[in-house]
C-alpha atoms as a PDB file:
ATOM      1  CA  MET A   1      17.282 186.435 109.859  1.00  0.00           C
ATOM      2  CA  PHE A   2      18.684 188.247 113.070  1.00  0.00           C
ATOM      3  CA  HIS A   3      21.269 191.061 112.866  1.00  0.00           C
ATOM      4  CA  HIS A   4      23.855 190.766 115.508  1.00  0.00           C
ATOM      5  CA  ARG A   5      23.725 194.346 116.517  1.00  0.00           C
ATOM      6  CA  ASP A   6      19.792 194.025 117.401  1.00  0.00           C
ATOM      7  CA  LEU A   7      19.918 190.786 119.424  1.00  0.00           C
ATOM      8  CA  GLY A   8      20.783 192.552 122.758  1.00  0.00           C
ATOM      9  CA  ASP A   9      17.709 194.233 123.233  1.00  0.00           C
ATOM     10  CA  ASP A  10      15.552 191.171 123.127  1.00  0.00           C
ATOM     11  CA  LEU A  11      17.965 188.144 123.869  1.00  0.00           C
ATOM     12  CA  PRO A  12      16.014 186.723 126.517  1.00  0.00           C
ATOM     13  CA  ASN A  13      12.921 186.226 124.306  1.00  0.00           C
ATOM     14  CA  LEU A  14      14.966 185.073 121.437  1.00  0.00           C
ATOM     15  CA  LEU A  15      16.431 182.228 123.527  1.00  0.00           C
ATOM     16  CA  SER A  16      12.973 181.047 124.653  1.00  0.00           C
ATOM     17  CA  MET A  17      11.277 181.482 121.220  1.00  0.00           C
ATOM     18  CA  PRO A  18       9.650 178.388 119.769  1.00  0.00           C
ATOM     19  CA  ARG A  19      10.904 177.355 116.354  1.00  0.00           C
ATOM     20  CA  PRO A  20       9.209 175.154 113.902  1.00  0.00           C
ATOM     21  CA  PRO A  21      11.026 171.891 112.944  1.00  0.00           C
ATOM     22  CA  HIS A  22      12.264 172.876 109.564  1.00  0.00           C
ATOM     23  CA  GLN A  23      12.688 176.722 110.045  1.00  0.00           C
ATOM     24  CA  LYS A  24      16.411 177.769 109.846  1.00  0.00           C
ATOM     25  CA  TRP A  25      17.752 180.914 111.596  1.00  0.00           C
ATOM     26  CA  VAL A  26      20.280 183.105 109.879  1.00  0.00           C
ATOM     27  CA  TRP A  27      22.861 185.193 112.019  1.00  0.00           C
ATOM     28  CA  MET A  28      23.982 188.243 110.237  1.00  0.00           C
ATOM     29  CA  ASN A  29      26.630 190.784 111.232  1.00  0.00           C
ATOM     30  CA  MET A  30      28.476 193.482 109.053  1.00  0.00           C
ATOM     31  CA  GLU A  31      30.557 194.663 111.848  1.00  0.00           C
ATOM     32  CA  SER A  32      34.177 193.695 112.804  1.00  0.00           C
ATOM     33  CA  PRO A  33      34.586 191.499 116.030  1.00  0.00           C
ATOM     34  CA  GLU A  34      35.836 194.612 117.826  1.00  0.00           C
ATOM     35  CA  ASN A  35      32.634 196.460 117.290  1.00  0.00           C
ATOM     36  CA  SER A  36      30.488 193.353 118.053  1.00  0.00           C
ATOM     37  CA  GLU A  37      29.503 192.352 121.582  1.00  0.00           C
ATOM     38  CA  ARG A  38      30.020 188.795 122.357  1.00  0.00           C
ATOM     39  CA  TRP A  39      27.031 186.796 123.690  1.00  0.00           C
ATOM     40  CA  THR A  40      27.879 183.163 124.501  1.00  0.00           C
ATOM     41  CA  ASP A  41      24.325 182.225 125.038  1.00  0.00           C
ATOM     42  CA  ILE A  42      23.740 182.365 121.265  1.00  0.00           C
ATOM     43  CA  ASP A  43      26.361 179.812 120.456  1.00  0.00           C
ATOM     44  CA  GLY A  44      24.855 177.180 118.410  1.00  0.00           C
ATOM     45  CA  LEU A  45      21.593 178.930 118.116  1.00  0.00           C
ATOM     46  CA  PHE A  46      21.656 179.715 114.357  1.00  0.00           C
ATOM     47  CA  ASN A  47      21.948 177.497 111.397  1.00  0.00           C
ATOM     48  CA  LEU A  48      23.707 179.924 108.910  1.00  0.00           C
ATOM     49  CA  THR A  49      25.843 182.983 108.951  1.00  0.00           C
ATOM     50  CA  ALA A  50      25.788 186.062 106.825  1.00  0.00           C
ATOM     51  CA  SER A  51      28.435 188.601 106.795  1.00  0.00           C
ATOM     52  CA  TYR A  52      31.416 190.137 105.062  1.00  0.00           C
ATOM     53  CA  ARG A  53      33.534 187.169 105.840  1.00  0.00           C
ATOM     54  CA  ARG A  54      34.160 185.192 102.732  1.00  0.00           C
ATOM     55  CA  ASP A  55      33.833 181.980 104.842  1.00  0.00           C
ATOM     56  CA  SER A  56      30.350 182.898 105.857  1.00  0.00           C
ATOM     57  CA  ASP A  57      27.579 180.655 104.485  1.00  0.00           C
ATOM     58  CA  VAL A  58      26.268 183.779 102.715  1.00  0.00           C
ATOM     59  CA  TRP A  59      28.876 186.079 101.668  1.00  0.00           C
ATOM     60  CA  VAL A  60      27.733 189.877 101.836  1.00  0.00           C
ATOM     61  CA  PRO A  61      30.663 191.994 100.587  1.00  0.00           C
ATOM     62  CA  TYR A  62      30.629 195.692 100.957  1.00  0.00           C
ATOM     63  CA  GLY A  63      31.495 196.047  97.336  1.00  0.00           C
ATOM     64  CA  ARG A  64      32.604 193.964  94.195  1.00  0.00           C
ATOM     65  CA  ILE A  65      34.766 194.371  91.146  1.00  0.00           C
ATOM     66  CA  LEU A  66      32.857 193.209  88.179  1.00  0.00           C
ATOM     67  CA  PRO A  67      33.772 192.888  84.497  1.00  0.00           C
ATOM     68  CA  THR A  68      32.614 196.085  82.749  1.00  0.00           C
ATOM     69  CA  SER A  69      29.406 195.726  80.803  1.00  0.00           C
ATOM     70  CA  VAL A  70      29.663 198.730  78.547  1.00  0.00           C
ATOM     71  CA  LYS A  71      31.678 197.974  75.490  1.00  0.00           C
ATOM     72  CA  ASN A  72      34.002 200.625  73.698  1.00  0.00           C
ATOM     73  CA  GLU A  73      33.746 203.051  76.398  1.00  0.00           C
ATOM     74  CA  THR A  74      37.067 204.161  77.820  1.00  0.00           C
ATOM     75  CA  PHE A  75      37.246 205.124  81.608  1.00  0.00           C
ATOM     76  CA  LYS A  76      38.191 208.811  82.163  1.00  0.00           C
ATOM     77  CA  ILE A  77      39.742 209.786  85.342  1.00  0.00           C
ATOM     78  CA  PRO A  78      37.704 212.640  86.821  1.00  0.00           C
ATOM     79  CA  PRO A  79      39.381 216.088  87.171  1.00  0.00           C
ATOM     80  CA  LYS A  80      41.302 216.503  90.254  1.00  0.00           C
ATOM     81  CA  ASP A  81      42.004 219.543  92.392  1.00  0.00           C
ATOM     82  CA  LYS A  82      42.905 218.027  95.694  1.00  0.00           C
ATOM     83  CA  LEU A  83      45.772 215.858  96.487  1.00  0.00           C
ATOM     84  CA  VAL A  84      44.729 213.726  99.547  1.00  0.00           C
ATOM     85  CA  CYS A  85      41.297 213.499 101.192  1.00  0.00           C
ATOM     86  CA  TRP A  86      39.727 211.819 104.167  1.00  0.00           C
ATOM     87  CA  ILE A  87      36.144 211.911 105.439  1.00  0.00           C
ATOM     88  CA  VAL A  88      35.811 210.767 109.017  1.00  0.00           C
ATOM     89  CA  SER A  89      33.504 211.162 111.846  1.00  0.00           C
ATOM     90  CA  ASN A  90      34.275 208.278 114.323  1.00  0.00           C
ATOM     91  CA  TRP A  91      37.606 209.932 115.678  1.00  0.00           C
ATOM     92  CA  ASN A  92      39.373 207.778 118.435  1.00  0.00           C
ATOM     93  CA  PRO A  93      42.953 208.872 119.264  1.00  0.00           C
ATOM     94  CA  HIS A  94      43.862 205.368 120.175  1.00  0.00           C
ATOM     95  CA  TYR A  95      42.915 203.938 116.758  1.00  0.00           C
ATOM     96  CA  ARG A  96      45.710 203.168 114.436  1.00  0.00           C
ATOM     97  CA  ARG A  97      44.186 204.910 111.727  1.00  0.00           C
ATOM     98  CA  VAL A  98      44.134 208.389 113.659  1.00  0.00           C
ATOM     99  CA  GLU A  99      47.716 207.652 114.857  1.00  0.00           C
ATOM    100  CA  TYR A 100      48.846 207.134 111.189  1.00  0.00           C
ATOM    101  CA  PHE A 101      46.878 210.295 109.912  1.00  0.00           C
ATOM    102  CA  ASN A 102      48.449 212.394 112.535  1.00  0.00           C
ATOM    103  CA  GLU A 103      52.024 211.505 111.221  1.00  0.00           C
ATOM    104  CA  LEU A 104      51.127 211.467 107.772  1.00  0.00           C
ATOM    105  CA  SER A 105      49.624 215.054 107.851  1.00  0.00           C
ATOM    106  CA  LYS A 106      52.947 216.332 108.993  1.00  0.00           C
ATOM    107  CA  HIS A 107      54.414 215.550 105.599  1.00  0.00           C
ATOM    108  CA  ILE A 108      51.615 216.065 103.113  1.00  0.00           C
ATOM    109  CA  LYS A 109      48.516 218.258 102.896  1.00  0.00           C
ATOM    110  CA  ILE A 110      45.401 216.420 103.727  1.00  0.00           C
ATOM    111  CA  GLU A 111      41.833 217.683 103.138  1.00  0.00           C
ATOM    112  CA  GLY A 112      39.731 216.683 106.059  1.00  0.00           C
ATOM    113  CA  TYR A 113      35.900 216.230 106.062  1.00  0.00           C
ATOM    114  CA  GLY A 114      33.337 215.065 108.284  1.00  0.00           C
ATOM    115  CA  ARG A 115      32.138 215.730 111.955  1.00  0.00           C
ATOM    116  CA  HIS A 116      35.584 215.583 113.320  1.00  0.00           C
ATOM    117  CA  PHE A 117      37.013 218.332 110.969  1.00  0.00           C
ATOM    118  CA  ASN A 118      33.576 220.436 111.038  1.00  0.00           C
ATOM    119  CA  ARG A 119      33.170 220.148 107.372  1.00  0.00           C
ATOM    120  CA  TYR A 120      30.224 218.226 106.680  1.00  0.00           C
ATOM    121  CA  ILE A 121      29.753 216.466 103.358  1.00  0.00           C
ATOM    122  CA  ASN A 122      25.940 215.879 102.208  1.00  0.00           C
ATOM    123  CA  ASP A 123      24.955 213.011  99.943  1.00  0.00           C
ATOM    124  CA  GLU A 124      24.938 215.460  96.958  1.00  0.00           C
ATOM    125  CA  ASP A 125      28.457 216.579  97.407  1.00  0.00           C
ATOM    126  CA  TYR A 126      30.016 213.085  98.475  1.00  0.00           C
ATOM    127  CA  VAL A 127      30.860 211.514  95.111  1.00  0.00           C
ATOM    128  CA  PRO A 128      31.977 214.765  93.573  1.00  0.00           C
ATOM    129  CA  THR A 129      34.298 215.460  96.706  1.00  0.00           C
ATOM    130  CA  LEU A 130      35.800 211.956  96.463  1.00  0.00           C
ATOM    131  CA  SER A 131      36.320 212.205  92.542  1.00  0.00           C
ATOM    132  CA  SER A 132      38.044 215.496  92.969  1.00  0.00           C
ATOM    133  CA  CYS A 133      40.790 213.792  95.062  1.00  0.00           C
ATOM    134  CA  LYS A 134      43.844 212.184  93.593  1.00  0.00           C
ATOM    135  CA  PHE A 135      44.015 209.942  96.835  1.00  0.00           C
ATOM    136  CA  TYR A 136      41.748 208.958  99.477  1.00  0.00           C
ATOM    137  CA  LEU A 137      42.472 207.567 102.885  1.00  0.00           C
ATOM    138  CA  SER A 138      40.507 204.338 103.188  1.00  0.00           C
ATOM    139  CA  PHE A 139      41.444 203.848 106.817  1.00  0.00           C
ATOM    140  CA  GLU A 140      39.297 201.121 108.468  1.00  0.00           C
ATOM    141  CA  SER A 141      38.486 201.693 112.169  1.00  0.00           C
ATOM    142  CA  SER A 142      39.328 198.215 113.128  1.00  0.00           C
ATOM    143  CA  ILE A 143      41.812 195.687 111.280  1.00  0.00           C
ATOM    144  CA  HIS A 144      40.299 192.345 110.801  1.00  0.00           C
ATOM    145  CA  GLU A 145      40.507 189.552 108.150  1.00  0.00           C
ATOM    146  CA  ASP A 146      38.175 190.507 105.282  1.00  0.00           C
ATOM    147  CA  TYR A 147      37.113 193.625 106.915  1.00  0.00           C
ATOM    148  CA  VAL A 148      37.144 195.954 103.891  1.00  0.00           C
ATOM    149  CA  THR A 149      34.134 198.245 103.843  1.00  0.00           C
ATOM    150  CA  GLU A 150      32.584 200.989 101.730  1.00  0.00           C
ATOM    151  CA  LYS A 151      35.563 203.121 102.733  1.00  0.00           C
ATOM    152  CA  LEU A 152      37.541 201.110 100.142  1.00  0.00           C
ATOM    153  CA  PHE A 153      34.826 200.738  97.552  1.00  0.00           C
ATOM    154  CA  ASN A 154      33.415 204.316  97.282  1.00  0.00           C
ATOM    155  CA  PRO A 155      36.669 205.751  96.279  1.00  0.00           C
ATOM    156  CA  LEU A 156      37.129 203.049  93.631  1.00  0.00           C
ATOM    157  CA  ILE A 157      33.755 203.674  92.279  1.00  0.00           C
ATOM    158  CA  SER A 158      34.386 207.580  92.254  1.00  0.00           C
ATOM    159  CA  GLY A 159      37.616 207.085  90.255  1.00  0.00           C
ATOM    160  CA  THR A 160      40.049 207.848  93.063  1.00  0.00           C
ATOM    161  CA  VAL A 161      43.083 205.951  94.331  1.00  0.00           C
ATOM    162  CA  PRO A 162      42.568 204.217  97.692  1.00  0.00           C
ATOM    163  CA  VAL A 163      45.361 204.368 100.226  1.00  0.00           C
ATOM    164  CA  VAL A 164      44.389 201.668 102.600  1.00  0.00           C
ATOM    165  CA  LEU A 165      45.040 200.784 106.185  1.00  0.00           C
ATOM    166  CA  GLY A 166      43.484 197.537 107.302  1.00  0.00           C
ATOM    167  CA  PRO A 167      44.089 193.944 106.845  1.00  0.00           C
ATOM    168  CA  PRO A 168      47.339 192.908 104.985  1.00  0.00           C
ATOM    169  CA  ARG A 169      47.783 193.593 101.264  1.00  0.00           C
ATOM    170  CA  GLU A 170      47.312 189.851 100.478  1.00  0.00           C
ATOM    171  CA  ASN A 171      43.812 190.080 101.935  1.00  0.00           C
ATOM    172  CA  TYR A 172      42.896 193.263  99.941  1.00  0.00           C
ATOM    173  CA  GLU A 173      44.091 191.622  96.767  1.00  0.00           C
ATOM    174  CA  GLU A 174      41.494 188.825  97.355  1.00  0.00           C
ATOM    175  CA  PHE A 175      39.048 191.757  96.720  1.00  0.00           C
ATOM    176  CA  ILE A 176      40.389 194.287  94.227  1.00  0.00           C
ATOM    177  CA  PRO A 177      43.244 194.279  91.703  1.00  0.00           C
ATOM    178  CA  ALA A 178      46.832 194.629  93.171  1.00  0.00           C
ATOM    179  CA  ASP A 179      47.487 197.714  91.065  1.00  0.00           C
ATOM    180  CA  SER A 180      44.434 199.603  92.114  1.00  0.00           C
ATOM    181  CA  PHE A 181      45.451 200.926  95.462  1.00  0.00           C
ATOM    182  CA  ILE A 182      48.279 201.816  97.708  1.00  0.00           C
ATOM    183  CA  HIS A 183      48.784 200.084 101.189  1.00  0.00           C
ATOM    184  CA  VAL A 184      50.448 201.857 103.980  1.00  0.00           C
ATOM    185  CA  ASP A 185      52.331 198.821 104.946  1.00  0.00           C
ATOM    186  CA  ASP A 186      54.122 199.051 101.590  1.00  0.00           C
ATOM    187  CA  PHE A 187      56.093 201.932 103.147  1.00  0.00           C
ATOM    188  CA  LYS A 188      58.614 202.061 106.087  1.00  0.00           C
ATOM    189  CA  SER A 189      56.924 205.200 107.571  1.00  0.00           C
ATOM    190  CA  PRO A 190      54.194 207.809 106.895  1.00  0.00           C
ATOM    191  CA  GLN A 191      56.863 210.232 105.622  1.00  0.00           C
ATOM    192  CA  GLU A 192      57.878 207.763 103.016  1.00  0.00           C
ATOM    193  CA  LEU A 193      54.314 207.167 102.029  1.00  0.00           C
ATOM    194  CA  ALA A 194      53.875 210.990 101.609  1.00  0.00           C
ATOM    195  CA  GLU A 195      56.990 211.197  99.455  1.00  0.00           C
ATOM    196  CA  HIS A 196      55.443 208.370  97.060  1.00  0.00           C
ATOM    197  CA  LEU A 197      52.209 210.392  96.937  1.00  0.00           C
ATOM    198  CA  LYS A 198      54.145 213.470  95.953  1.00  0.00           C
ATOM    199  CA  PHE A 199      55.980 211.681  93.413  1.00  0.00           C
ATOM    200  CA  LEU A 200      52.760 210.471  91.954  1.00  0.00           C
ATOM    201  CA  ASP A 201      51.385 214.072  91.817  1.00  0.00           C
ATOM    202  CA  GLN A 202      54.127 215.227  89.692  1.00  0.00           C
ATOM    203  CA  ASN A 203      54.198 212.086  87.196  1.00  0.00           C
ATOM    204  CA  GLN A 204      50.753 211.815  85.622  1.00  0.00           C
ATOM    205  CA  GLU A 205      51.833 208.795  83.565  1.00  0.00           C
ATOM    206  CA  VAL A 206      52.800 206.834  86.579  1.00  0.00           C
ATOM    207  CA  TYR A 207      49.593 207.931  88.450  1.00  0.00           C
ATOM    208  CA  GLU A 208      47.429 206.850  85.772  1.00  0.00           C
ATOM    209  CA  ARG A 209      48.726 203.177  86.089  1.00  0.00           C
ATOM    210  CA  TYR A 210      46.465 202.674  89.111  1.00  0.00           C
ATOM    211  CA  PHE A 211      43.451 202.875  86.689  1.00  0.00           C
ATOM    212  CA  THR A 212      44.574 200.316  84.138  1.00  0.00           C
ATOM    213  CA  TRP A 213      42.246 197.880  85.664  1.00  0.00           C
ATOM    214  CA  ARG A 214      39.251 199.929  84.676  1.00  0.00           C
ATOM    215  CA  GLN A 215      39.870 198.999  81.044  1.00  0.00           C
ATOM    216  CA  ALA A 216      38.240 195.640  81.895  1.00  0.00           C
ATOM    217  CA  PHE A 217      36.543 196.020  85.131  1.00  0.00           C
ATOM    218  CA  THR A 218      34.440 198.426  87.326  1.00  0.00           C
ATOM    219  CA  ALA A 219      33.567 198.753  90.960  1.00  0.00           C
ATOM    220  CA  LYS A 220      30.125 198.297  92.385  1.00  0.00           C
ATOM    221  CA  ASP A 221      28.751 199.345  95.773  1.00  0.00           C
ATOM    222  CA  GLY A 222      27.626 196.076  97.699  1.00  0.00           C
ATOM    223  CA  LYS A 223      24.185 197.876  98.262  1.00  0.00           C
ATOM    224  CA  VAL A 224      23.372 197.957  94.538  1.00  0.00           C
ATOM    225  CA  GLN A 225      22.962 194.171  94.355  1.00  0.00           C
ATOM    226  CA  LYS A 226      22.583 193.399  97.953  1.00  0.00           C
ATOM    227  CA  ARG A 227      18.829 193.101  98.217  1.00  0.00           C
ATOM    228  CA  SER A 228      18.253 190.734  95.245  1.00  0.00           C
ATOM    229  CA  VAL A 229      21.284 188.703  95.265  1.00  0.00           C
ATOM    230  CA  PHE A 230      21.395 188.471  99.097  1.00  0.00           C
ATOM    231  CA  SER A 231      17.691 187.209  99.133  1.00  0.00           C
ATOM    232  CA  LEU A 232      18.510 184.557  96.601  1.00  0.00           C
ATOM    233  CA  SER A 233      21.507 183.549  98.392  1.00  0.00           C
ATOM    234  CA  VAL A 234      20.017 183.132 101.684  1.00  0.00           C
ATOM    235  CA  GLY A 235      17.114 181.290 100.129  1.00  0.00           C
ATOM    236  CA  ARG A 236      19.461 178.761  98.379  1.00  0.00           C
ATOM    237  CA  ARG A 237      21.663 178.267 101.392  1.00  0.00           C
ATOM    238  CA  VAL A 238      18.280 177.803 103.634  1.00  0.00           C
ATOM    239  CA  SER A 239      16.879 175.197 101.114  1.00  0.00           C
ATOM    240  CA  GLU A 240      20.068 173.274 101.157  1.00  0.00           C
ATOM    241  CA  GLU A 241      20.224 173.149 104.834  1.00  0.00           C
ATOM    242  CA  ILE A 242      16.717 172.088 105.134  1.00  0.00           C
ATOM    243  CA  ASN A 243      17.088 169.304 102.481  1.00  0.00           C
ATOM    244  CA  SER A 244      20.109 168.064 104.284  1.00  0.00           C
ATOM    245  CA  SER A 245      18.320 167.738 107.503  1.00  0.00           C
ATOM    246  CA  VAL A 246      15.419 166.030 106.014  1.00  0.00           C
ATOM    247  CA  LYS A 247      17.660 163.635 104.237  1.00  0.00           C
ATOM    248  CA  GLY A 248      19.498 162.950 107.455  1.00  0.00           C
ATOM    249  CA  LYS A 249      16.256 161.738 109.124  1.00  0.00           C
ATOM    250  CA  ARG A 250      15.284 159.378 106.444  1.00  0.00           C
END
């Protein structure tokens, strides 16, 4: 298995590397196309793909929505003392998410954390901080099909309503319940979104509807199951590929 980000350092050796007849190579990439350098030399080099894309041979999502395994346990919304939060370090003024944030922050108070705001959050405080926010800006750095990362799943896991900026709403709904998040594209402007968030802040019953899905489901970080499930998925697909090539030669 080869991770795309690591290929550039050793590409000449990879291209000349001998391969046993039935050995299958898996190309893995968890970055968006915008953040992945393109090397035409590797076209046709790999047998299988593994990525966040649902059309990959091995699908590796950043998170999952699963049926809850704990019976008779009612989900409780964590206590909130902040309205809107955002943790960000990778700040690029040309990113759509930064442009949207700059406009949104004119109309509603946003608690900013991370390197850009000089308010660092350590691992111990990360989940409690997310949980204390009514809304979290789950703004992706680049917008591509299926590219929904931990920026979406971490707030869901922490009991916070994600406000998403990324692929279209229809794409998000293929990953998470339609009533579990707010999409910026549902509003004509950042100001209109800000007014909606203020409305929800003053109407607890309406706000709590964003957690209805928690009655039967829960959110899981992809890393929790990634090692075991991913290994089994890759092994199964490689076996299928080998069996197919062997049959083709009979």
